[in-house]
């Protein structure tokens, strides 16, 4: 779908609107680092509580560190699951995305041979169609999530 890169593609944000997948590169590492920094703040607060003999700091620091650590594990696990779904569905998405063409005049996506679909779709409908076929429609956000097929 090279049409999304040229001739008004940036102005209309076509690369995002016609994306074949979520493209979650590197989110898990960044979320892990953020979570570990917050966990470290909790540990530092707990340490300050033991050094200054303040039990409230100790309890609050331990609770903050524990919540941040467990929350980080849950977020990173979710990122890994989304990335695995993207990898598993990439071939199915390519089967629908590759034969498609974008028409700048009518601002719609169509498939010349009528396979895998017939008719014209808006970019949001097309994105929802591709992501649903690939198995990661649960990651859709914004107008594409609300688009009807």
C-alpha atoms as a PDB file:
ATOM      1  CA  UNK A   1       0.000   0.000   0.000  1.00  0.00           C
ATOM      2  CA  UNK A   2       2.611   2.470  -1.187  1.00  0.00           C
ATOM      3  CA  UNK A   3      -0.113   5.068  -1.802  1.00  0.00           C
ATOM      4  CA  UNK A   4      -0.150   5.880   1.921  1.00  0.00           C
ATOM      5  CA  UNK A   5       3.449   7.156   1.794  1.00  0.00           C
ATOM      6  CA  UNK A   6       3.137   9.739  -0.956  1.00  0.00           C
ATOM      7  CA  UNK A   7       0.797  12.381  -2.331  1.00  0.00           C
ATOM      8  CA  UNK A   8      -0.842  13.724   0.823  1.00  0.00           C
ATOM      9  CA  UNK A   9      -0.223  10.637   2.923  1.00  0.00           C
ATOM     10  CA  UNK A  10       1.419  12.585   5.724  1.00  0.00           C
ATOM     11  CA  UNK A  11      -1.202  15.312   5.685  1.00  0.00           C
ATOM     12  CA  UNK A  12      -4.013  12.763   6.016  1.00  0.00           C
ATOM     13  CA  UNK A  13      -2.076  10.547   8.473  1.00  0.00           C
ATOM     14  CA  UNK A  14      -2.581   7.581   6.147  1.00  0.00           C
ATOM     15  CA  UNK A  15       0.336   5.594   7.562  1.00  0.00           C
ATOM     16  CA  UNK A  16      -1.497   5.361  10.877  1.00  0.00           C
ATOM     17  CA  UNK A  17      -5.002   5.091   9.453  1.00  0.00           C
ATOM     18  CA  UNK A  18      -4.015   2.241   7.089  1.00  0.00           C
ATOM     19  CA  UNK A  19      -1.487   0.453   9.322  1.00  0.00           C
ATOM     20  CA  UNK A  20      -1.427  -3.320   8.774  1.00  0.00           C
ATOM     21  CA  UNK A  21      -0.747  -3.950  12.460  1.00  0.00           C
ATOM     22  CA  UNK A  22      -0.185  -2.378  15.873  1.00  0.00           C
ATOM     23  CA  UNK A  23       3.628  -2.158  15.536  1.00  0.00           C
ATOM     24  CA  UNK A  24       4.450  -2.454  19.235  1.00  0.00           C
ATOM     25  CA  UNK A  25       8.242  -2.354  18.896  1.00  0.00           C
ATOM     26  CA  UNK A  26      10.026  -1.663  22.183  1.00  0.00           C
ATOM     27  CA  UNK A  27       7.046  -0.803  24.391  1.00  0.00           C
ATOM     28  CA  UNK A  28       7.717  -3.664  26.800  1.00  0.00           C
ATOM     29  CA  UNK A  29      11.288  -2.564  27.555  1.00  0.00           C
ATOM     30  CA  UNK A  30      10.258   1.038  28.130  1.00  0.00           C
ATOM     31  CA  UNK A  31       7.396   0.021  30.420  1.00  0.00           C
ATOM     32  CA  UNK A  32       9.735  -2.279  32.350  1.00  0.00           C
ATOM     33  CA  UNK A  33      12.263   0.521  32.892  1.00  0.00           C
ATOM     34  CA  UNK A  34       9.556   2.950  33.989  1.00  0.00           C
ATOM     35  CA  UNK A  35       8.142   0.405  36.420  1.00  0.00           C
ATOM     36  CA  UNK A  36      11.541  -0.396  37.896  1.00  0.00           C
ATOM     37  CA  UNK A  37      12.238   3.313  38.475  1.00  0.00           C
ATOM     38  CA  UNK A  38       8.943   3.630  40.349  1.00  0.00           C
ATOM     39  CA  UNK A  39       9.694   0.441  42.290  1.00  0.00           C
ATOM     40  CA  UNK A  40      13.099   1.891  43.200  1.00  0.00           C
ATOM     41  CA  UNK A  41      11.399   5.013  44.557  1.00  0.00           C
ATOM     42  CA  UNK A  42       9.271   2.779  46.793  1.00  0.00           C
ATOM     43  CA  UNK A  43      12.350   0.896  47.998  1.00  0.00           C
ATOM     44  CA  UNK A  44      14.134   4.194  48.713  1.00  0.00           C
ATOM     45  CA  UNK A  45      11.123   5.416  50.686  1.00  0.00           C
ATOM     46  CA  UNK A  46      11.085   2.181  52.708  1.00  0.00           C
ATOM     47  CA  UNK A  47      14.832   2.494  53.333  1.00  0.00           C
ATOM     48  CA  UNK A  48      14.367   6.076  54.507  1.00  0.00           C
ATOM     49  CA  UNK A  49      11.676   4.832  56.879  1.00  0.00           C
ATOM     50  CA  UNK A  50      14.040   2.314  58.472  1.00  0.00           C
ATOM     51  CA  UNK A  51      16.919   4.816  58.721  1.00  0.00           C
ATOM     52  CA  UNK A  52      14.794   7.580  60.244  1.00  0.00           C
ATOM     53  CA  UNK A  53      12.674   5.217  62.351  1.00  0.00           C
ATOM     54  CA  UNK A  54       9.434   6.232  60.625  1.00  0.00           C
ATOM     55  CA  UNK A  55       7.151   3.199  60.330  1.00  0.00           C
ATOM     56  CA  UNK A  56       4.693   5.028  58.055  1.00  0.00           C
ATOM     57  CA  UNK A  57       7.455   5.630  55.484  1.00  0.00           C
ATOM     58  CA  UNK A  58       8.504   2.006  55.779  1.00  0.00           C
ATOM     59  CA  UNK A  59       4.983   0.646  55.268  1.00  0.00           C
ATOM     60  CA  UNK A  60       4.185   3.136  52.495  1.00  0.00           C
ATOM     61  CA  UNK A  61       7.470   2.456  50.708  1.00  0.00           C
ATOM     62  CA  UNK A  62       7.022  -1.302  50.847  1.00  0.00           C
ATOM     63  CA  UNK A  63       3.424  -1.008  49.610  1.00  0.00           C
ATOM     64  CA  UNK A  64       4.454   1.365  46.793  1.00  0.00           C
ATOM     65  CA  UNK A  65       7.331  -0.889  45.720  1.00  0.00           C
ATOM     66  CA  UNK A  66       5.122  -3.984  45.753  1.00  0.00           C
ATOM     67  CA  UNK A  67       2.279  -2.351  43.799  1.00  0.00           C
ATOM     68  CA  UNK A  68       4.691  -0.862  41.236  1.00  0.00           C
ATOM     69  CA  UNK A  69       6.539  -4.157  40.790  1.00  0.00           C
ATOM     70  CA  UNK A  70       3.385  -6.231  40.325  1.00  0.00           C
ATOM     71  CA  UNK A  71       1.851  -3.583  38.069  1.00  0.00           C
ATOM     72  CA  UNK A  72       5.004  -3.555  35.949  1.00  0.00           C
ATOM     73  CA  UNK A  73       4.890  -7.326  35.558  1.00  0.00           C
ATOM     74  CA  UNK A  74       1.243  -7.161  34.466  1.00  0.00           C
ATOM     75  CA  UNK A  75       1.898  -4.380  31.926  1.00  0.00           C
ATOM     76  CA  UNK A  76       4.974  -6.084  30.461  1.00  0.00           C
ATOM     77  CA  UNK A  77       3.078  -9.376  30.224  1.00  0.00           C
ATOM     78  CA  UNK A  78       0.252  -7.607  28.361  1.00  0.00           C
ATOM     79  CA  UNK A  79       2.778  -5.974  26.007  1.00  0.00           C
ATOM     80  CA  UNK A  80       4.346  -9.362  25.313  1.00  0.00           C
ATOM     81  CA  UNK A  81       0.922 -10.882  24.606  1.00  0.00           C
ATOM     82  CA  UNK A  82       0.047  -8.057  22.178  1.00  0.00           C
ATOM     83  CA  UNK A  83       3.411  -8.406  20.416  1.00  0.00           C
ATOM     84  CA  UNK A  84       2.901 -12.180  20.087  1.00  0.00           C
ATOM     85  CA  UNK A  85      -0.556 -11.608  18.575  1.00  0.00           C
ATOM     86  CA  UNK A  86       0.947  -9.133  16.097  1.00  0.00           C
ATOM     87  CA  UNK A  87       3.658 -11.583  15.061  1.00  0.00           C
ATOM     88  CA  UNK A  88       1.198 -14.455  14.718  1.00  0.00           C
ATOM     89  CA  UNK A  89      -1.245 -12.400  12.645  1.00  0.00           C
ATOM     90  CA  UNK A  90       1.270 -10.653  10.363  1.00  0.00           C
ATOM     91  CA  UNK A  91       0.864 -13.168   7.532  1.00  0.00           C
ATOM     92  CA  UNK A  92      -2.950 -13.053   7.691  1.00  0.00           C
ATOM     93  CA  UNK A  93      -2.846  -9.245   7.692  1.00  0.00           C
ATOM     94  CA  UNK A  94      -0.507  -9.218   4.684  1.00  0.00           C
ATOM     95  CA  UNK A  95      -2.964 -11.372   2.684  1.00  0.00           C
ATOM     96  CA  UNK A  96      -5.606  -8.656   3.046  1.00  0.00           C
ATOM     97  CA  UNK A  97      -3.356  -5.561   3.106  1.00  0.00           C
ATOM     98  CA  UNK A  98      -1.017  -6.319   0.162  1.00  0.00           C
ATOM     99  CA  UNK A  99      -3.591  -6.416  -2.702  1.00  0.00           C
ATOM    100  CA  UNK A 100      -5.344  -3.248  -1.486  1.00  0.00           C
ATOM    101  CA  UNK A 101      -5.129   0.161  -3.159  1.00  0.00           C
ATOM    102  CA  UNK A 102      -5.899   3.590  -1.754  1.00  0.00           C
ATOM    103  CA  UNK A 103      -7.648   6.128  -4.007  1.00  0.00           C
ATOM    104  CA  UNK A 104      -6.732   9.720  -3.121  1.00  0.00           C
ATOM    105  CA  UNK A 105      -9.656  11.076  -5.121  1.00  0.00           C
ATOM    106  CA  UNK A 106     -12.429   9.297  -3.242  1.00  0.00           C
ATOM    107  CA  UNK A 107     -10.356   8.623  -0.103  1.00  0.00           C
ATOM    108  CA  UNK A 108     -11.277   4.959  -0.013  1.00  0.00           C
ATOM    109  CA  UNK A 109      -9.531   1.592  -0.111  1.00  0.00           C
ATOM    110  CA  UNK A 110     -10.467  -1.031  -2.659  1.00  0.00           C
ATOM    111  CA  UNK A 111      -9.253  -4.350  -4.001  1.00  0.00           C
ATOM    112  CA  UNK A 112      -9.169  -4.423  -7.834  1.00  0.00           C
ATOM    113  CA  UNK A 113      -9.840  -8.142  -8.187  1.00  0.00           C
ATOM    114  CA  UNK A 114     -12.653  -8.203  -5.643  1.00  0.00           C
ATOM    115  CA  UNK A 115     -10.633 -10.593  -3.491  1.00  0.00           C
ATOM    116  CA  UNK A 116     -10.467 -10.627  -0.437  1.00  0.00           C
ATOM    117  CA  UNK A 117     -13.393  -8.155  -0.422  1.00  0.00           C
ATOM    118  CA  UNK A 118     -15.588  -6.280  -2.877  1.00  0.00           C
ATOM    119  CA  UNK A 119     -16.430  -2.604  -2.849  1.00  0.00           C
ATOM    120  CA  UNK A 120     -14.788   0.418  -1.283  1.00  0.00           C
ATOM    121  CA  UNK A 121     -13.950   0.883   2.387  1.00  0.00           C
ATOM    122  CA  UNK A 122     -13.016   3.980   4.340  1.00  0.00           C
ATOM    123  CA  UNK A 123      -9.493   3.862   5.799  1.00  0.00           C
ATOM    124  CA  UNK A 124     -10.966   3.178   9.241  1.00  0.00           C
ATOM    125  CA  UNK A 125     -13.151   0.328   7.948  1.00  0.00           C
ATOM    126  CA  UNK A 126     -10.163  -1.103   6.081  1.00  0.00           C
ATOM    127  CA  UNK A 127      -7.959  -0.962   9.167  1.00  0.00           C
ATOM    128  CA  UNK A 128     -10.668  -2.682  11.229  1.00  0.00           C
ATOM    129  CA  UNK A 129     -11.088  -5.334   8.513  1.00  0.00           C
ATOM    130  CA  UNK A 130      -7.334  -6.054   8.340  1.00  0.00           C
ATOM    131  CA  UNK A 131      -6.847  -6.123  12.098  1.00  0.00           C
ATOM    132  CA  UNK A 132      -9.913  -8.353  12.582  1.00  0.00           C
ATOM    133  CA  UNK A 133      -8.670 -10.807   9.942  1.00  0.00           C
ATOM    134  CA  UNK A 134      -5.222 -10.841  11.573  1.00  0.00           C
ATOM    135  CA  UNK A 135      -6.588 -11.464  15.065  1.00  0.00           C
ATOM    136  CA  UNK A 136      -5.692  -8.260  16.876  1.00  0.00           C
ATOM    137  CA  UNK A 137      -8.873  -6.222  16.574  1.00  0.00           C
ATOM    138  CA  UNK A 138      -8.919  -5.954  20.380  1.00  0.00           C
ATOM    139  CA  UNK A 139      -5.999  -3.498  20.077  1.00  0.00           C
ATOM    140  CA  UNK A 140      -7.915  -1.042  17.853  1.00  0.00           C
ATOM    141  CA  UNK A 141      -8.411   2.466  19.192  1.00  0.00           C
ATOM    142  CA  UNK A 142     -10.135   5.639  18.036  1.00  0.00           C
ATOM    143  CA  UNK A 143     -12.269   5.867  14.896  1.00  0.00           C
ATOM    144  CA  UNK A 144     -11.162   2.482  13.540  1.00  0.00           C
ATOM    145  CA  UNK A 145     -12.594   0.742  16.610  1.00  0.00           C
ATOM    146  CA  UNK A 146     -15.977   2.404  16.036  1.00  0.00           C
ATOM    147  CA  UNK A 147     -16.059   1.796  12.253  1.00  0.00           C
ATOM    148  CA  UNK A 148     -18.755  -0.552  10.979  1.00  0.00           C
ATOM    149  CA  UNK A 149     -17.958  -3.238   8.430  1.00  0.00           C
END
